C-alpha atoms as a PDB file:
ATOM      1  CA  MET A   1      18.141  -5.395  17.091  1.00  0.00           C
ATOM      2  CA  ASN A   2      20.556  -8.640  15.920  1.00  0.00           C
ATOM      3  CA  ASP A   3      18.171 -11.078  13.696  1.00  0.00           C
ATOM      4  CA  SER A   4      20.698 -13.556  13.478  1.00  0.00           C
ATOM      5  CA  PRO A   5      19.616 -16.955  15.554  1.00  0.00           C
ATOM      6  CA  THR A   6      20.715 -17.535  19.034  1.00  0.00           C
ATOM      7  CA  PRO A   7      23.492 -20.376  18.599  1.00  0.00           C
ATOM      8  CA  VAL A   8      22.547 -23.814  20.267  1.00  0.00           C
ATOM      9  CA  THR A   9      24.111 -27.117  20.354  1.00  0.00           C
ATOM     10  CA  VAL A  10      21.600 -30.179  20.110  1.00  0.00           C
ATOM     11  CA  VAL A  11      22.509 -33.126  21.936  1.00  0.00           C
ATOM     12  CA  ASP A  12      20.727 -36.437  22.526  1.00  0.00           C
ATOM     13  CA  ASP A  13      20.090 -37.426  26.153  1.00  0.00           C
ATOM     14  CA  ARG A  14      19.022 -41.202  25.054  1.00  0.00           C
ATOM     15  CA  ASP A  15      17.949 -42.150  28.778  1.00  0.00           C
ATOM     16  CA  HIS A  16      15.541 -39.239  28.559  1.00  0.00           C
ATOM     17  CA  GLN A  17      14.884 -39.810  25.087  1.00  0.00           C
ATOM     18  CA  VAL A  18      15.199 -36.195  24.059  1.00  0.00           C
ATOM     19  CA  PHE A  19      17.120 -34.283  21.699  1.00  0.00           C
ATOM     20  CA  LEU A  20      18.370 -30.855  23.882  1.00  0.00           C
ATOM     21  CA  ALA A  21      19.025 -27.678  22.507  1.00  0.00           C
ATOM     22  CA  ARG A  22      21.533 -26.363  24.868  1.00  0.00           C
ATOM     23  CA  LEU A  23      23.206 -22.541  24.655  1.00  0.00           C
ATOM     24  CA  ASP A  24      27.060 -21.785  24.980  1.00  0.00           C
ATOM     25  CA  ASP A  25      26.352 -21.572  28.623  1.00  0.00           C
ATOM     26  CA  GLY A  26      25.167 -24.819  29.334  1.00  0.00           C
ATOM     27  CA  ARG A  27      21.003 -23.673  29.909  1.00  0.00           C
ATOM     28  CA  ARG A  28      18.451 -25.810  28.315  1.00  0.00           C
ATOM     29  CA  ALA A  29      16.614 -23.784  25.460  1.00  0.00           C
ATOM     30  CA  GLY A  30      14.530 -26.519  24.457  1.00  0.00           C
ATOM     31  CA  GLY A  31      13.910 -30.356  23.640  1.00  0.00           C
ATOM     32  CA  ALA A  32      12.665 -32.991  21.002  1.00  0.00           C
ATOM     33  CA  TYR A  33      11.014 -35.844  22.413  1.00  0.00           C
ATOM     34  CA  TYR A  34      11.270 -39.008  20.828  1.00  0.00           C
ATOM     35  CA  GLU A  35      10.313 -42.674  20.963  1.00  0.00           C
ATOM     36  CA  ARG A  36      13.565 -44.888  19.556  1.00  0.00           C
ATOM     37  CA  ARG A  37      11.998 -48.473  18.434  1.00  0.00           C
ATOM     38  CA  GLY A  38      14.326 -50.824  16.915  1.00  0.00           C
ATOM     39  CA  ASP A  39      17.629 -51.813  16.848  1.00  0.00           C
ATOM     40  CA  ALA A  40      20.546 -49.379  16.440  1.00  0.00           C
ATOM     41  CA  GLY A  41      21.381 -48.776  12.939  1.00  0.00           C
ATOM     42  CA  SER A  42      18.023 -49.496  11.613  1.00  0.00           C
ATOM     43  CA  ALA A  43      16.048 -47.704  14.195  1.00  0.00           C
ATOM     44  CA  VAL A  44      12.798 -45.401  13.738  1.00  0.00           C
ATOM     45  CA  VAL A  45      12.707 -42.519  15.760  1.00  0.00           C
ATOM     46  CA  VAL A  46       9.230 -41.523  16.384  1.00  0.00           C
ATOM     47  CA  PHE A  47       9.113 -37.734  17.237  1.00  0.00           C
ATOM     48  CA  THR A  48       6.393 -37.076  19.585  1.00  0.00           C
ATOM     49  CA  HIS A  49       6.749 -33.096  20.961  1.00  0.00           C
ATOM     50  CA  THR A  50       8.975 -30.773  20.426  1.00  0.00           C
ATOM     51  CA  GLU A  51       9.105 -27.549  22.745  1.00  0.00           C
ATOM     52  CA  VAL A  52      11.005 -24.531  23.425  1.00  0.00           C
ATOM     53  CA  ASP A  53      11.401 -22.256  26.370  1.00  0.00           C
ATOM     54  CA  PRO A  54       9.211 -19.491  26.421  1.00  0.00           C
ATOM     55  CA  ASP A  55      12.136 -17.020  27.312  1.00  0.00           C
ATOM     56  CA  PHE A  56      13.795 -18.225  23.966  1.00  0.00           C
ATOM     57  CA  GLU A  57      11.106 -18.294  21.153  1.00  0.00           C
ATOM     58  CA  GLY A  58      11.482 -16.666  18.176  1.00  0.00           C
ATOM     59  CA  GLN A  59      15.109 -17.147  18.131  1.00  0.00           C
ATOM     60  CA  GLY A  60      15.554 -19.886  15.894  1.00  0.00           C
ATOM     61  CA  ILE A  61      15.931 -22.394  18.699  1.00  0.00           C
ATOM     62  CA  GLY A  62      13.392 -24.871  17.067  1.00  0.00           C
ATOM     63  CA  SER A  63      14.612 -24.626  13.761  1.00  0.00           C
ATOM     64  CA  GLN A  64      17.855 -25.413  15.031  1.00  0.00           C
ATOM     65  CA  LEU A  65      16.657 -27.941  17.108  1.00  0.00           C
ATOM     66  CA  ALA A  66      15.030 -29.629  14.424  1.00  0.00           C
ATOM     67  CA  ALA A  67      17.791 -29.482  12.228  1.00  0.00           C
ATOM     68  CA  GLY A  68      20.119 -30.713  14.590  1.00  0.00           C
ATOM     69  CA  ALA A  69      18.106 -33.998  15.825  1.00  0.00           C
ATOM     70  CA  LEU A  70      17.759 -34.706  12.183  1.00  0.00           C
ATOM     71  CA  ASP A  71      21.177 -34.652  11.365  1.00  0.00           C
ATOM     72  CA  GLN A  72      22.072 -36.804  14.092  1.00  0.00           C
ATOM     73  CA  VAL A  73      19.133 -39.524  12.921  1.00  0.00           C
ATOM     74  CA  ARG A  74      20.498 -39.371   9.549  1.00  0.00           C
ATOM     75  CA  ALA A  75      24.122 -40.074  11.188  1.00  0.00           C
ATOM     76  CA  ALA A  76      22.838 -42.909  12.618  1.00  0.00           C
ATOM     77  CA  GLY A  77      21.668 -44.820   9.851  1.00  0.00           C
ATOM     78  CA  GLU A  78      18.181 -44.097  11.427  1.00  0.00           C
ATOM     79  CA  LYS A  79      14.456 -43.241   9.900  1.00  0.00           C
ATOM     80  CA  ILE A  80      11.881 -40.965  11.484  1.00  0.00           C
ATOM     81  CA  VAL A  81       8.090 -41.260  12.190  1.00  0.00           C
ATOM     82  CA  PRO A  82       7.105 -37.322  12.859  1.00  0.00           C
ATOM     83  CA  LEU A  83       4.148 -37.381  15.116  1.00  0.00           C
ATOM     84  CA  CYS A  84       5.140 -33.752  16.573  1.00  0.00           C
ATOM     85  CA  PRO A  85       3.368 -31.338  14.396  1.00  0.00           C
ATOM     86  CA  PHE A  86       6.858 -28.930  14.881  1.00  0.00           C
ATOM     87  CA  ILE A  87       8.969 -31.599  13.165  1.00  0.00           C
ATOM     88  CA  LYS A  88       6.247 -32.816  10.665  1.00  0.00           C
ATOM     89  CA  ALA A  89       5.953 -28.867   9.605  1.00  0.00           C
ATOM     90  CA  TYR A  90       9.952 -28.741   9.372  1.00  0.00           C
ATOM     91  CA  VAL A  91      10.392 -31.967   7.310  1.00  0.00           C
ATOM     92  CA  GLN A  92       7.645 -30.669   4.971  1.00  0.00           C
ATOM     93  CA  ARG A  93       9.747 -27.087   4.725  1.00  0.00           C
ATOM     94  CA  HIS A  94      12.676 -28.735   4.263  1.00  0.00           C
ATOM     95  CA  PRO A  95      12.820 -31.540   1.431  1.00  0.00           C
ATOM     96  CA  GLU A  96      16.444 -32.454   2.195  1.00  0.00           C
ATOM     97  CA  TYR A  97      15.258 -34.455   4.870  1.00  0.00           C
ATOM     98  CA  ALA A  98      12.329 -36.016   3.474  1.00  0.00           C
ATOM     99  CA  ASP A  99      14.538 -39.535   3.209  1.00  0.00           C
ATOM    100  CA  LEU A 100      14.496 -39.925   6.693  1.00  0.00           C
ATOM    101  CA  LEU A 101      10.665 -40.427   6.649  1.00  0.00           C
ATOM    102  CA  ALA A 102      10.143 -44.490   7.516  1.00  0.00           C
ATOM    103  CA  HIS A 103       6.748 -43.994   5.793  1.00  0.00           C
ATOM    104  CA  PRO A 104       7.072 -41.400   3.151  1.00  0.00           C
ATOM    105  CA  ALA A 105       3.817 -39.892   1.877  1.00  0.00           C
ATOM    106  CA  ARG A 106       2.587 -41.188  -1.474  1.00  0.00           C
END
């Protein structure tokens, strides 16, 4: 059995407000849904829901999706509000993303 995660590419579908996890063959494996508020460069990305297709659960897709989405938010100079429990837990487990929080815990 192969324990390495299934590699995905994370793309931002701004028209549908979702970061998509795509497999090498183009199939969609999951999505991190959001609402972007504010102007480019100072926007806040409010993550509302994350899902992984049941066929791909347990293969590291969710973690790659979260990391890819958060890396793109950082590159755009934006902040996040993680209403989604998965994204919130991911940030808590990976403190290198804590600086992205629009409202850090006090």
